[in-house]
Amino acid sequence: MPTSNEPKIIAGNANKRLANAVARRMSMHRGMNVELVDARVERFNDGEIFVEVFENVRGEDVYILQPTSRPANDNLMELLIIADALRRSSAARITAVIPYFGYARQDRRTKSRTPISAKLVANMLTEAGVSRIVTMDLHAAQIQGFFDIPVDNLYAAPLFALDIMENFKDDIDGITVVSPDVGGVARARELATRIGAPLSIVDKRREKAGEVAEMTVIGDVQDQICIIVDDMCDTAGTLCKAAEVLLEAGAREVHAYTSHGVLSGPAVERVTNSKLKSLVITDSIEPTQAVLNTPNIRIVPTAPLFAQAILNTWNGTSISSLIDVKTLGPIYEGLYGQH
């Protein structure tokens, strides 16, 4: 059993802003000043990562908050080395809270002689001493099966539903949820069901990898407020093109909700100059200054969600309750009110 009365949170360098926000949120819940574990995560001159934990963690329930976002390899190694340091310091349980799980797109072999990197990462985390994973919106839900330890996959859909009901409350009957491809239909349908909206699909055809040759809208979007929903936005090419196609099909305006704002390469410039009225992302990946300065990108906080997930894991209560808008509503009451 843990020797203290509070869970301990330690953070790498990937998203210190979110880690501090989670600690503050937990302080509100517990009525105590929850702070990040005092530690240093540094690099030698050759880039080698070094970790030192300055607090006693023997017998403690410790949570490492570290998305494996860009630079993915550095942040993954930080996570592994922190876990190893905690294991060798006799922590009772090590939970990796990974808001964005990198390498999740490599969940199967699409061609001969290619790796399944998501499985490799799962093996590495387990070998490093991690005993539980908490993450959000895995690119493919079956990645949970790559682990031989418990995995709690949280969802952004109920959070997005709260945001939509707050920001589109006067036009809720004129919303259509859109999947940007056939593979994302299940995700889009879930959000559409939550807000009672119809569903449409943008079917894309590729002549070769990385180039979209044609897009077709399946469903009626005439005079509708279209909300495209996806799990991540990387270069934003498909998203911006889908917005143009929807407007050409008669949509009144187009917004997008995506769980993870990877936003690499030309993505920010594309979104800025696109037909998207807004792109809503979470802070699972720490936003760059360019993202923060973009007028049509809005960020919704995940700290209340992850703080509650950590508390529920720590005290042995349900995590699945957090996928319900009725449960999540009170947690986000200060931001969205009651729905």
C-alpha atoms as a PDB file:
ATOM      1  CA  MET A   1       0.000   0.000   0.000  1.00  0.00           C
ATOM      2  CA  PRO A   2       1.198   3.581  -0.602  1.00  0.00           C
ATOM      3  CA  THR A   3       2.908   5.148   2.384  1.00  0.00           C
ATOM      4  CA  SER A   4       1.413   8.627   1.843  1.00  0.00           C
ATOM      5  CA  ASN A   5      -2.180   9.801   1.643  1.00  0.00           C
ATOM      6  CA  GLU A   6      -1.808  11.373  -1.800  1.00  0.00           C
ATOM      7  CA  PRO A   7      -0.864  10.135  -5.267  1.00  0.00           C
ATOM      8  CA  LYS A   8       2.417  11.515  -6.553  1.00  0.00           C
ATOM      9  CA  ILE A   9       2.785  13.060 -10.020  1.00  0.00           C
ATOM     10  CA  ILE A  10       6.064  13.377 -11.892  1.00  0.00           C
ATOM     11  CA  ALA A  11       6.448  14.979 -15.310  1.00  0.00           C
ATOM     12  CA  GLY A  12       8.905  14.861 -18.156  1.00  0.00           C
ATOM     13  CA  ASN A  13       9.541  17.828 -20.425  1.00  0.00           C
ATOM     14  CA  ALA A  14       6.911  17.024 -23.077  1.00  0.00           C
ATOM     15  CA  ASN A  15       3.980  18.958 -21.562  1.00  0.00           C
ATOM     16  CA  LYS A  16       4.881  20.614 -18.271  1.00  0.00           C
ATOM     17  CA  ARG A  17       1.985  23.050 -18.689  1.00  0.00           C
ATOM     18  CA  LEU A  18      -0.572  20.232 -18.632  1.00  0.00           C
ATOM     19  CA  ALA A  19       1.223  18.454 -15.765  1.00  0.00           C
ATOM     20  CA  ASN A  20       1.083  21.586 -13.603  1.00  0.00           C
ATOM     21  CA  ALA A  21      -2.573  22.119 -14.504  1.00  0.00           C
ATOM     22  CA  VAL A  22      -3.390  18.525 -13.469  1.00  0.00           C
ATOM     23  CA  ALA A  23      -1.583  19.031 -10.149  1.00  0.00           C
ATOM     24  CA  ARG A  24      -3.530  22.256  -9.523  1.00  0.00           C
ATOM     25  CA  ARG A  25      -6.802  20.536 -10.361  1.00  0.00           C
ATOM     26  CA  MET A  26      -6.021  17.687  -7.979  1.00  0.00           C
ATOM     27  CA  SER A  27      -5.242  20.249  -5.289  1.00  0.00           C
ATOM     28  CA  MET A  28      -8.777  21.597  -5.740  1.00  0.00           C
ATOM     29  CA  HIS A  29     -10.215  18.078  -5.338  1.00  0.00           C
ATOM     30  CA  ARG A  30      -8.129  17.016  -2.364  1.00  0.00           C
ATOM     31  CA  GLY A  31      -7.999  20.315  -0.505  1.00  0.00           C
ATOM     32  CA  MET A  32      -4.219  19.973  -0.308  1.00  0.00           C
ATOM     33  CA  ASN A  33      -1.345  21.492  -2.215  1.00  0.00           C
ATOM     34  CA  VAL A  34      -0.500  18.770  -4.719  1.00  0.00           C
ATOM     35  CA  GLU A  35       2.781  19.578  -6.461  1.00  0.00           C
ATOM     36  CA  LEU A  36       4.852  17.731  -9.031  1.00  0.00           C
ATOM     37  CA  VAL A  37       7.527  15.434  -7.619  1.00  0.00           C
ATOM     38  CA  ASP A  38      10.835  17.282  -7.370  1.00  0.00           C
ATOM     39  CA  ALA A  39      13.057  15.779 -10.060  1.00  0.00           C
ATOM     40  CA  ARG A  40      15.335  16.742 -12.891  1.00  0.00           C
ATOM     41  CA  VAL A  41      15.114  15.400 -16.421  1.00  0.00           C
ATOM     42  CA  GLU A  42      18.147  16.660 -18.283  1.00  0.00           C
ATOM     43  CA  ARG A  43      20.424  15.842 -21.194  1.00  0.00           C
ATOM     44  CA  PHE A  44      24.140  15.359 -21.461  1.00  0.00           C
ATOM     45  CA  ASN A  45      25.931  17.247 -24.222  1.00  0.00           C
ATOM     46  CA  ASP A  46      25.448  14.349 -26.627  1.00  0.00           C
ATOM     47  CA  GLY A  47      21.690  14.301 -26.024  1.00  0.00           C
ATOM     48  CA  GLU A  48      21.698  11.361 -23.601  1.00  0.00           C
ATOM     49  CA  ILE A  49      18.860  11.668 -21.082  1.00  0.00           C
ATOM     50  CA  PHE A  50      19.481  11.685 -17.337  1.00  0.00           C
ATOM     51  CA  VAL A  51      16.827  11.537 -14.610  1.00  0.00           C
ATOM     52  CA  GLU A  52      17.170  12.113 -10.881  1.00  0.00           C
ATOM     53  CA  VAL A  53      14.244  12.005  -8.425  1.00  0.00           C
ATOM     54  CA  PHE A  54      14.842  14.124  -5.319  1.00  0.00           C
ATOM     55  CA  GLU A  55      11.882  12.856  -3.258  1.00  0.00           C
ATOM     56  CA  ASN A  56      11.286   9.541  -1.534  1.00  0.00           C
ATOM     57  CA  VAL A  57       8.880   7.403  -3.614  1.00  0.00           C
ATOM     58  CA  ARG A  58       9.343   4.080  -1.819  1.00  0.00           C
ATOM     59  CA  GLY A  59       5.969   2.335  -1.595  1.00  0.00           C
ATOM     60  CA  GLU A  60       4.200   5.208  -3.341  1.00  0.00           C
ATOM     61  CA  ASP A  61       1.564   5.304  -6.091  1.00  0.00           C
ATOM     62  CA  VAL A  62       3.324   7.411  -8.752  1.00  0.00           C
ATOM     63  CA  TYR A  63       1.902   8.836 -12.002  1.00  0.00           C
ATOM     64  CA  ILE A  64       4.191   9.904 -14.852  1.00  0.00           C
ATOM     65  CA  LEU A  65       2.540  12.522 -17.059  1.00  0.00           C
ATOM     66  CA  GLN A  66       4.269  12.516 -20.430  1.00  0.00           C
ATOM     67  CA  PRO A  67       2.793  12.575 -23.944  1.00  0.00           C
ATOM     68  CA  THR A  68       5.073  11.013 -26.545  1.00  0.00           C
ATOM     69  CA  SER A  69       4.632  13.862 -29.008  1.00  0.00           C
ATOM     70  CA  ARG A  70       7.249  15.668 -31.081  1.00  0.00           C
ATOM     71  CA  PRO A  71      10.159  14.994 -30.622  1.00  0.00           C
ATOM     72  CA  ALA A  72       8.598  11.552 -30.204  1.00  0.00           C
ATOM     73  CA  ASN A  73      11.779   9.577 -29.599  1.00  0.00           C
ATOM     74  CA  ASP A  74      13.152  11.987 -26.977  1.00  0.00           C
ATOM     75  CA  ASN A  75       9.861  12.132 -25.091  1.00  0.00           C
ATOM     76  CA  LEU A  76       9.421   8.351 -25.232  1.00  0.00           C
ATOM     77  CA  MET A  77      12.931   7.820 -23.858  1.00  0.00           C
ATOM     78  CA  GLU A  78      12.243  10.324 -21.072  1.00  0.00           C
ATOM     79  CA  LEU A  79       9.138   8.350 -20.125  1.00  0.00           C
ATOM     80  CA  LEU A  80      11.014   5.037 -20.125  1.00  0.00           C
ATOM     81  CA  ILE A  81      13.930   6.378 -18.092  1.00  0.00           C
ATOM     82  CA  ILE A  82      11.655   8.054 -15.525  1.00  0.00           C
ATOM     83  CA  ALA A  83       9.787   4.749 -15.126  1.00  0.00           C
ATOM     84  CA  ASP A  84      13.068   2.888 -14.644  1.00  0.00           C
ATOM     85  CA  ALA A  85      14.226   5.427 -12.048  1.00  0.00           C
ATOM     86  CA  LEU A  86      10.960   5.030 -10.119  1.00  0.00           C
ATOM     87  CA  ARG A  87      11.076   1.224 -10.291  1.00  0.00           C
ATOM     88  CA  ARG A  88      14.641   1.200  -8.953  1.00  0.00           C
ATOM     89  CA  SER A  89      13.490   3.582  -6.198  1.00  0.00           C
ATOM     90  CA  SER A  90      10.885   1.001  -5.040  1.00  0.00           C
ATOM     91  CA  ALA A  91       7.712   2.813  -6.100  1.00  0.00           C
ATOM     92  CA  ALA A  92       4.741   0.548  -5.351  1.00  0.00           C
ATOM     93  CA  ARG A  93       2.872   1.273  -8.596  1.00  0.00           C
ATOM     94  CA  ILE A  94       3.912   3.256 -11.670  1.00  0.00           C
ATOM     95  CA  THR A  95       1.151   4.549 -13.935  1.00  0.00           C
ATOM     96  CA  ALA A  96       2.087   6.210 -17.223  1.00  0.00           C
ATOM     97  CA  VAL A  97      -0.394   8.964 -18.074  1.00  0.00           C
ATOM     98  CA  ILE A  98       0.184   9.454 -21.806  1.00  0.00           C
ATOM     99  CA  PRO A  99      -2.280  12.076 -23.127  1.00  0.00           C
ATOM    100  CA  TYR A 100      -0.999  11.510 -26.681  1.00  0.00           C
ATOM    101  CA  PHE A 101       0.340   8.032 -27.476  1.00  0.00           C
ATOM    102  CA  GLY A 102       2.969   8.376 -30.191  1.00  0.00           C
ATOM    103  CA  TYR A 103       3.598   5.548 -32.680  1.00  0.00           C
ATOM    104  CA  ALA A 104      -0.104   4.625 -32.451  1.00  0.00           C
ATOM    105  CA  ARG A 105      -0.465   4.993 -36.218  1.00  0.00           C
ATOM    106  CA  GLN A 106       1.874   2.029 -36.671  1.00  0.00           C
ATOM    107  CA  ASP A 107      -0.570  -0.495 -35.224  1.00  0.00           C
ATOM    108  CA  ARG A 108      -0.444  -3.058 -38.073  1.00  0.00           C
ATOM    109  CA  ARG A 109       1.683  -4.167 -41.004  1.00  0.00           C
ATOM    110  CA  THR A 110       0.447  -2.373 -44.098  1.00  0.00           C
ATOM    111  CA  LYS A 111       3.233  -3.720 -46.325  1.00  0.00           C
ATOM    112  CA  SER A 112       5.771  -6.531 -46.265  1.00  0.00           C
ATOM    113  CA  ARG A 113       8.841  -6.100 -44.044  1.00  0.00           C
ATOM    114  CA  THR A 114       7.424  -3.268 -41.924  1.00  0.00           C
ATOM    115  CA  PRO A 115       7.256  -3.077 -38.117  1.00  0.00           C
ATOM    116  CA  ILE A 116       4.332  -2.875 -35.717  1.00  0.00           C
ATOM    117  CA  SER A 117       5.905  -0.063 -33.726  1.00  0.00           C
ATOM    118  CA  ALA A 118       2.940   0.448 -31.403  1.00  0.00           C
ATOM    119  CA  LYS A 119       3.452  -3.084 -30.083  1.00  0.00           C
ATOM    120  CA  LEU A 120       7.191  -2.445 -29.656  1.00  0.00           C
ATOM    121  CA  VAL A 121       6.458   0.695 -27.603  1.00  0.00           C
ATOM    122  CA  ALA A 122       3.976  -1.273 -25.480  1.00  0.00           C
ATOM    123  CA  ASN A 123       6.653  -3.870 -24.738  1.00  0.00           C
ATOM    124  CA  MET A 124       9.199  -1.180 -23.845  1.00  0.00           C
ATOM    125  CA  LEU A 125       6.845   0.533 -21.400  1.00  0.00           C
ATOM    126  CA  THR A 126       6.049  -2.733 -19.652  1.00  0.00           C
ATOM    127  CA  GLU A 127       9.715  -3.731 -19.419  1.00  0.00           C
ATOM    128  CA  ALA A 128      10.583  -0.305 -17.985  1.00  0.00           C
ATOM    129  CA  GLY A 129       8.319  -1.014 -15.010  1.00  0.00           C
ATOM    130  CA  VAL A 130       5.048   0.690 -15.945  1.00  0.00           C
ATOM    131  CA  SER A 131       2.141  -1.191 -14.370  1.00  0.00           C
ATOM    132  CA  ARG A 132      -0.781   0.761 -15.872  1.00  0.00           C
ATOM    133  CA  ILE A 133      -1.462   3.104 -18.812  1.00  0.00           C
ATOM    134  CA  VAL A 134      -3.893   6.027 -18.912  1.00  0.00           C
ATOM    135  CA  THR A 135      -4.212   7.636 -22.338  1.00  0.00           C
ATOM    136  CA  MET A 136      -6.753   9.443 -24.508  1.00  0.00           C
ATOM    137  CA  ASP A 137      -8.190   8.623 -27.927  1.00  0.00           C
ATOM    138  CA  LEU A 138      -5.780   5.975 -29.151  1.00  0.00           C
ATOM    139  CA  HIS A 139      -5.530   6.069 -32.938  1.00  0.00           C
ATOM    140  CA  ALA A 140      -6.736   2.457 -32.941  1.00  0.00           C
ATOM    141  CA  ALA A 141      -8.561   1.002 -29.945  1.00  0.00           C
ATOM    142  CA  GLN A 142      -7.028  -2.438 -30.492  1.00  0.00           C
ATOM    143  CA  ILE A 143      -3.658  -1.068 -29.314  1.00  0.00           C
ATOM    144  CA  GLN A 144      -4.968  -1.732 -25.805  1.00  0.00           C
ATOM    145  CA  GLY A 145      -4.515  -5.421 -26.636  1.00  0.00           C
ATOM    146  CA  PHE A 146      -0.788  -4.887 -27.249  1.00  0.00           C
ATOM    147  CA  PHE A 147      -0.318  -4.446 -23.502  1.00  0.00           C
ATOM    148  CA  ASP A 148      -0.317  -7.153 -20.837  1.00  0.00           C
ATOM    149  CA  ILE A 149      -1.064  -4.467 -18.233  1.00  0.00           C
ATOM    150  CA  PRO A 150      -4.310  -2.492 -17.734  1.00  0.00           C
ATOM    151  CA  VAL A 151      -4.952   0.320 -20.209  1.00  0.00           C
ATOM    152  CA  ASP A 152      -7.551   3.051 -19.630  1.00  0.00           C
ATOM    153  CA  ASN A 153      -8.350   4.775 -22.927  1.00  0.00           C
ATOM    154  CA  LEU A 154     -10.220   8.008 -22.203  1.00  0.00           C
ATOM    155  CA  TYR A 155     -12.280   9.745 -24.870  1.00  0.00           C
ATOM    156  CA  ALA A 156     -12.445  13.376 -25.961  1.00  0.00           C
ATOM    157  CA  ALA A 157     -15.958  12.886 -27.403  1.00  0.00           C
ATOM    158  CA  PRO A 158     -17.874  13.730 -24.189  1.00  0.00           C
ATOM    159  CA  LEU A 159     -15.667  16.801 -23.715  1.00  0.00           C
ATOM    160  CA  PHE A 160     -16.306  17.862 -27.319  1.00  0.00           C
ATOM    161  CA  ALA A 161     -20.034  17.280 -26.790  1.00  0.00           C
ATOM    162  CA  LEU A 162     -19.971  19.664 -23.811  1.00  0.00           C
ATOM    163  CA  ASP A 163     -18.072  22.243 -25.860  1.00  0.00           C
ATOM    164  CA  ILE A 164     -20.460  21.991 -28.810  1.00  0.00           C
ATOM    165  CA  MET A 165     -23.552  22.238 -26.596  1.00  0.00           C
ATOM    166  CA  GLU A 166     -22.076  25.371 -25.013  1.00  0.00           C
ATOM    167  CA  ASN A 167     -20.766  27.143 -28.123  1.00  0.00           C
ATOM    168  CA  PHE A 168     -23.480  26.104 -30.599  1.00  0.00           C
ATOM    169  CA  LYS A 169     -26.458  26.045 -28.227  1.00  0.00           C
ATOM    170  CA  ASP A 170     -28.444  28.449 -30.421  1.00  0.00           C
ATOM    171  CA  ASP A 171     -27.804  26.382 -33.576  1.00  0.00           C
ATOM    172  CA  ILE A 172     -27.732  22.851 -32.191  1.00  0.00           C
ATOM    173  CA  ASP A 173     -30.527  21.727 -34.542  1.00  0.00           C
ATOM    174  CA  GLY A 174     -28.545  22.867 -37.576  1.00  0.00           C
ATOM    175  CA  ILE A 175     -25.399  20.830 -36.895  1.00  0.00           C
ATOM    176  CA  THR A 176     -24.178  17.880 -38.936  1.00  0.00           C
ATOM    177  CA  VAL A 177     -21.218  15.839 -37.693  1.00  0.00           C
ATOM    178  CA  VAL A 178     -18.829  14.827 -40.469  1.00  0.00           C
ATOM    179  CA  SER A 179     -16.248  12.056 -40.630  1.00  0.00           C
ATOM    180  CA  PRO A 180     -13.265  13.089 -42.807  1.00  0.00           C
ATOM    181  CA  ASP A 181     -12.889   9.511 -44.068  1.00  0.00           C
ATOM    182  CA  VAL A 182     -14.634   6.149 -43.939  1.00  0.00           C
ATOM    183  CA  GLY A 183     -12.277   4.884 -41.225  1.00  0.00           C
ATOM    184  CA  GLY A 184     -13.403   7.550 -38.769  1.00  0.00           C
ATOM    185  CA  VAL A 185     -17.148   6.881 -39.055  1.00  0.00           C
ATOM    186  CA  ALA A 186     -17.428   5.175 -35.651  1.00  0.00           C
ATOM    187  CA  ARG A 187     -15.796   8.130 -33.911  1.00  0.00           C
ATOM    188  CA  ALA A 188     -17.995  10.649 -35.712  1.00  0.00           C
ATOM    189  CA  ARG A 189     -21.136   8.606 -35.070  1.00  0.00           C
ATOM    190  CA  GLU A 190     -20.403   8.553 -31.342  1.00  0.00           C
ATOM    191  CA  LEU A 191     -20.193  12.350 -31.179  1.00  0.00           C
ATOM    192  CA  ALA A 192     -23.261  12.732 -33.406  1.00  0.00           C
ATOM    193  CA  THR A 193     -25.236  10.456 -31.073  1.00  0.00           C
ATOM    194  CA  ARG A 194     -24.145  12.454 -28.020  1.00  0.00           C
ATOM    195  CA  ILE A 195     -25.434  15.750 -29.421  1.00  0.00           C
ATOM    196  CA  GLY A 196     -28.372  14.309 -31.413  1.00  0.00           C
ATOM    197  CA  ALA A 197     -27.037  15.382 -34.813  1.00  0.00           C
ATOM    198  CA  PRO A 198     -27.079  13.674 -38.235  1.00  0.00           C
ATOM    199  CA  LEU A 199     -23.922  12.161 -39.720  1.00  0.00           C
ATOM    200  CA  SER A 200     -22.190  12.716 -43.057  1.00  0.00           C
ATOM    201  CA  ILE A 201     -18.957  11.352 -44.531  1.00  0.00           C
ATOM    202  CA  VAL A 202     -16.295  12.823 -46.773  1.00  0.00           C
ATOM    203  CA  ASP A 203     -15.084   9.949 -48.928  1.00  0.00           C
ATOM    204  CA  LYS A 204     -11.556  10.510 -50.209  1.00  0.00           C
ATOM    205  CA  ARG A 205      -9.796   8.626 -52.973  1.00  0.00           C
ATOM    206  CA  ARG A 206      -6.025   8.597 -53.390  1.00  0.00           C
ATOM    207  CA  GLU A 207      -4.117   8.052 -56.637  1.00  0.00           C
ATOM    208  CA  LYS A 208      -0.914   7.600 -54.616  1.00  0.00           C
ATOM    209  CA  ALA A 209       0.157   7.847 -50.978  1.00  0.00           C
ATOM    210  CA  GLY A 210      -0.060  11.340 -49.500  1.00  0.00           C
ATOM    211  CA  GLU A 211      -2.077  12.827 -52.385  1.00  0.00           C
ATOM    212  CA  VAL A 212      -5.867  13.061 -52.321  1.00  0.00           C
ATOM    213  CA  ALA A 213      -7.219  12.848 -55.856  1.00  0.00           C
ATOM    214  CA  GLU A 214     -10.927  13.293 -55.166  1.00  0.00           C
ATOM    215  CA  MET A 215     -13.326  13.946 -52.293  1.00  0.00           C
ATOM    216  CA  THR A 216     -17.049  13.231 -52.289  1.00  0.00           C
ATOM    217  CA  VAL A 217     -19.597  14.215 -49.636  1.00  0.00           C
ATOM    218  CA  ILE A 218     -21.937  11.417 -48.598  1.00  0.00           C
ATOM    219  CA  GLY A 219     -25.038  12.901 -46.965  1.00  0.00           C
ATOM    220  CA  ASP A 220     -26.931  16.187 -47.110  1.00  0.00           C
ATOM    221  CA  VAL A 221     -25.032  19.178 -45.670  1.00  0.00           C
ATOM    222  CA  GLN A 222     -27.038  21.939 -47.364  1.00  0.00           C
ATOM    223  CA  ASP A 223     -27.279  24.991 -45.024  1.00  0.00           C
ATOM    224  CA  GLN A 224     -25.788  22.950 -42.173  1.00  0.00           C
ATOM    225  CA  ILE A 225     -23.069  23.844 -39.670  1.00  0.00           C
ATOM    226  CA  CYS A 226     -20.642  21.016 -40.346  1.00  0.00           C
ATOM    227  CA  ILE A 227     -18.401  19.758 -37.562  1.00  0.00           C
ATOM    228  CA  ILE A 228     -15.589  17.500 -38.747  1.00  0.00           C
ATOM    229  CA  VAL A 229     -14.338  15.178 -35.992  1.00  0.00           C
ATOM    230  CA  ASP A 230     -11.053  13.258 -36.028  1.00  0.00           C
ATOM    231  CA  ASP A 231      -8.551  11.822 -33.549  1.00  0.00           C
ATOM    232  CA  MET A 232      -5.569  13.871 -34.742  1.00  0.00           C
ATOM    233  CA  CYS A 233      -4.579  16.675 -37.070  1.00  0.00           C
ATOM    234  CA  ASP A 234      -1.039  16.275 -38.425  1.00  0.00           C
ATOM    235  CA  THR A 235      -0.348  18.345 -41.544  1.00  0.00           C
ATOM    236  CA  ALA A 236      -4.033  19.464 -41.823  1.00  0.00           C
ATOM    237  CA  GLY A 237      -4.122  18.890 -45.590  1.00  0.00           C
ATOM    238  CA  THR A 238      -7.083  16.519 -45.607  1.00  0.00           C
ATOM    239  CA  LEU A 239      -8.952  18.606 -43.021  1.00  0.00           C
ATOM    240  CA  CYS A 240      -8.635  21.865 -44.952  1.00  0.00           C
ATOM    241  CA  LYS A 241      -9.561  20.196 -48.249  1.00  0.00           C
ATOM    242  CA  ALA A 242     -12.605  18.569 -46.612  1.00  0.00           C
ATOM    243  CA  ALA A 243     -13.748  22.010 -45.402  1.00  0.00           C
ATOM    244  CA  GLU A 244     -13.629  23.327 -48.987  1.00  0.00           C
ATOM    245  CA  VAL A 245     -15.570  20.348 -50.329  1.00  0.00           C
ATOM    246  CA  LEU A 246     -18.259  20.709 -47.647  1.00  0.00           C
ATOM    247  CA  LEU A 247     -18.718  24.411 -48.396  1.00  0.00           C
ATOM    248  CA  GLU A 248     -18.982  23.615 -52.113  1.00  0.00           C
ATOM    249  CA  ALA A 249     -21.690  21.082 -51.200  1.00  0.00           C
ATOM    250  CA  GLY A 250     -23.734  23.849 -49.567  1.00  0.00           C
ATOM    251  CA  ALA A 251     -22.595  23.860 -45.920  1.00  0.00           C
ATOM    252  CA  ARG A 252     -23.183  27.119 -44.073  1.00  0.00           C
ATOM    253  CA  GLU A 253     -19.869  26.961 -42.191  1.00  0.00           C
ATOM    254  CA  VAL A 254     -17.316  24.322 -41.223  1.00  0.00           C
ATOM    255  CA  HIS A 255     -15.637  23.678 -37.866  1.00  0.00           C
ATOM    256  CA  ALA A 256     -13.347  20.821 -36.832  1.00  0.00           C
ATOM    257  CA  TYR A 257     -12.771  19.033 -33.540  1.00  0.00           C
ATOM    258  CA  THR A 258      -9.667  16.880 -33.220  1.00  0.00           C
ATOM    259  CA  SER A 259      -8.333  15.224 -30.090  1.00  0.00           C
ATOM    260  CA  HIS A 260      -4.613  15.674 -30.738  1.00  0.00           C
ATOM    261  CA  GLY A 261      -3.202  18.784 -32.394  1.00  0.00           C
ATOM    262  CA  VAL A 262       0.004  17.324 -33.831  1.00  0.00           C
ATOM    263  CA  LEU A 263       0.083  20.233 -36.319  1.00  0.00           C
ATOM    264  CA  SER A 264       3.438  19.516 -37.933  1.00  0.00           C
ATOM    265  CA  GLY A 265       5.046  21.112 -40.974  1.00  0.00           C
ATOM    266  CA  PRO A 266       2.730  23.546 -42.796  1.00  0.00           C
ATOM    267  CA  ALA A 267      -0.329  22.693 -40.669  1.00  0.00           C
ATOM    268  CA  VAL A 268      -0.671  26.003 -38.785  1.00  0.00           C
ATOM    269  CA  GLU A 269      -0.334  28.053 -41.962  1.00  0.00           C
ATOM    270  CA  ARG A 270      -2.838  25.827 -43.741  1.00  0.00           C
ATOM    271  CA  VAL A 271      -5.411  26.159 -40.963  1.00  0.00           C
ATOM    272  CA  THR A 272      -4.891  29.930 -40.806  1.00  0.00           C
ATOM    273  CA  ASN A 273      -5.560  30.310 -44.535  1.00  0.00           C
ATOM    274  CA  SER A 274      -8.254  27.629 -44.748  1.00  0.00           C
ATOM    275  CA  LYS A 275     -12.036  27.801 -44.993  1.00  0.00           C
ATOM    276  CA  LEU A 276     -12.313  26.369 -41.463  1.00  0.00           C
ATOM    277  CA  LYS A 277     -14.094  28.794 -39.189  1.00  0.00           C
ATOM    278  CA  SER A 278     -12.492  27.089 -36.195  1.00  0.00           C
ATOM    279  CA  LEU A 279     -10.292  24.139 -35.324  1.00  0.00           C
ATOM    280  CA  VAL A 280     -10.758  22.896 -31.765  1.00  0.00           C
ATOM    281  CA  ILE A 281      -7.988  20.780 -30.255  1.00  0.00           C
ATOM    282  CA  THR A 282      -7.124  19.593 -26.762  1.00  0.00           C
ATOM    283  CA  ASP A 283      -3.909  20.340 -24.895  1.00  0.00           C
ATOM    284  CA  SER A 284      -2.836  16.668 -24.910  1.00  0.00           C
ATOM    285  CA  ILE A 285       0.157  17.963 -26.909  1.00  0.00           C
ATOM    286  CA  GLU A 286       1.682  21.183 -25.621  1.00  0.00           C
ATOM    287  CA  PRO A 287       0.748  23.882 -28.160  1.00  0.00           C
ATOM    288  CA  THR A 288       3.485  25.929 -29.788  1.00  0.00           C
ATOM    289  CA  GLN A 289       3.379  29.709 -29.740  1.00  0.00           C
ATOM    290  CA  ALA A 290       2.342  29.654 -33.403  1.00  0.00           C
ATOM    291  CA  VAL A 291      -0.690  27.533 -32.494  1.00  0.00           C
ATOM    292  CA  LEU A 292      -1.583  29.850 -29.601  1.00  0.00           C
ATOM    293  CA  ASN A 293      -1.369  32.865 -31.933  1.00  0.00           C
ATOM    294  CA  THR A 294      -3.627  31.383 -34.633  1.00  0.00           C
ATOM    295  CA  PRO A 295      -7.064  33.064 -34.378  1.00  0.00           C
ATOM    296  CA  ASN A 296      -9.109  30.127 -35.706  1.00  0.00           C
ATOM    297  CA  ILE A 297      -7.506  27.476 -33.451  1.00  0.00           C
ATOM    298  CA  ARG A 298      -9.090  27.007 -30.026  1.00  0.00           C
ATOM    299  CA  ILE A 299      -7.827  24.750 -27.242  1.00  0.00           C
ATOM    300  CA  VAL A 300      -9.994  22.937 -24.691  1.00  0.00           C
ATOM    301  CA  PRO A 301      -8.290  21.808 -21.463  1.00  0.00           C
ATOM    302  CA  THR A 302      -7.894  18.158 -20.506  1.00  0.00           C
ATOM    303  CA  ALA A 303      -6.481  18.776 -17.006  1.00  0.00           C
ATOM    304  CA  PRO A 304      -9.858  18.218 -15.258  1.00  0.00           C
ATOM    305  CA  LEU A 305     -10.305  14.930 -17.157  1.00  0.00           C
ATOM    306  CA  PHE A 306      -6.832  13.579 -16.411  1.00  0.00           C
ATOM    307  CA  ALA A 307      -6.880  14.801 -12.806  1.00  0.00           C
ATOM    308  CA  GLN A 308     -10.136  12.939 -12.190  1.00  0.00           C
ATOM    309  CA  ALA A 309      -8.795   9.845 -13.983  1.00  0.00           C
ATOM    310  CA  ILE A 310      -5.720   9.838 -11.731  1.00  0.00           C
ATOM    311  CA  LEU A 311      -7.838  10.259  -8.603  1.00  0.00           C
ATOM    312  CA  ASN A 312     -10.217   7.481  -9.690  1.00  0.00           C
ATOM    313  CA  THR A 313      -7.293   5.154 -10.429  1.00  0.00           C
ATOM    314  CA  TRP A 314      -5.669   5.989  -7.114  1.00  0.00           C
ATOM    315  CA  ASN A 315      -8.771   5.412  -4.997  1.00  0.00           C
ATOM    316  CA  GLY A 316     -10.057   2.431  -7.005  1.00  0.00           C
ATOM    317  CA  THR A 317     -13.220   3.959  -8.465  1.00  0.00           C
ATOM    318  CA  SER A 318     -14.580   3.787 -12.004  1.00  0.00           C
ATOM    319  CA  ILE A 319     -12.692   5.261 -14.948  1.00  0.00           C
ATOM    320  CA  SER A 320     -15.419   4.380 -17.433  1.00  0.00           C
ATOM    321  CA  SER A 321     -17.718   6.889 -15.734  1.00  0.00           C
ATOM    322  CA  LEU A 322     -15.620   9.646 -17.344  1.00  0.00           C
ATOM    323  CA  ILE A 323     -16.962   8.816 -20.819  1.00  0.00           C
ATOM    324  CA  ASP A 324     -20.417  10.015 -19.735  1.00  0.00           C
ATOM    325  CA  VAL A 325     -21.356  13.663 -20.310  1.00  0.00           C
ATOM    326  CA  LYS A 326     -23.444  13.600 -17.114  1.00  0.00           C
ATOM    327  CA  THR A 327     -20.340  12.671 -15.108  1.00  0.00           C
ATOM    328  CA  LEU A 328     -17.992  14.975 -16.991  1.00  0.00           C
ATOM    329  CA  GLY A 329     -20.359  17.966 -16.822  1.00  0.00           C
ATOM    330  CA  PRO A 330     -19.797  18.725 -13.117  1.00  0.00           C
ATOM    331  CA  ILE A 331     -16.023  18.303 -13.572  1.00  0.00           C
ATOM    332  CA  TYR A 332     -16.080  21.011 -16.267  1.00  0.00           C
ATOM    333  CA  GLU A 333     -18.792  23.114 -14.607  1.00  0.00           C
ATOM    334  CA  GLY A 334     -16.533  26.166 -14.322  1.00  0.00           C
ATOM    335  CA  LEU A 335     -15.936  26.127 -18.086  1.00  0.00           C
ATOM    336  CA  TYR A 336     -19.211  24.922 -19.568  1.00  0.00           C
ATOM    337  CA  GLY A 337     -21.829  25.086 -16.847  1.00  0.00           C
ATOM    338  CA  GLN A 338     -24.335  22.255 -16.474  1.00  0.00           C
ATOM    339  CA  HIS A 339     -25.792  20.350 -19.469  1.00  0.00           C
END
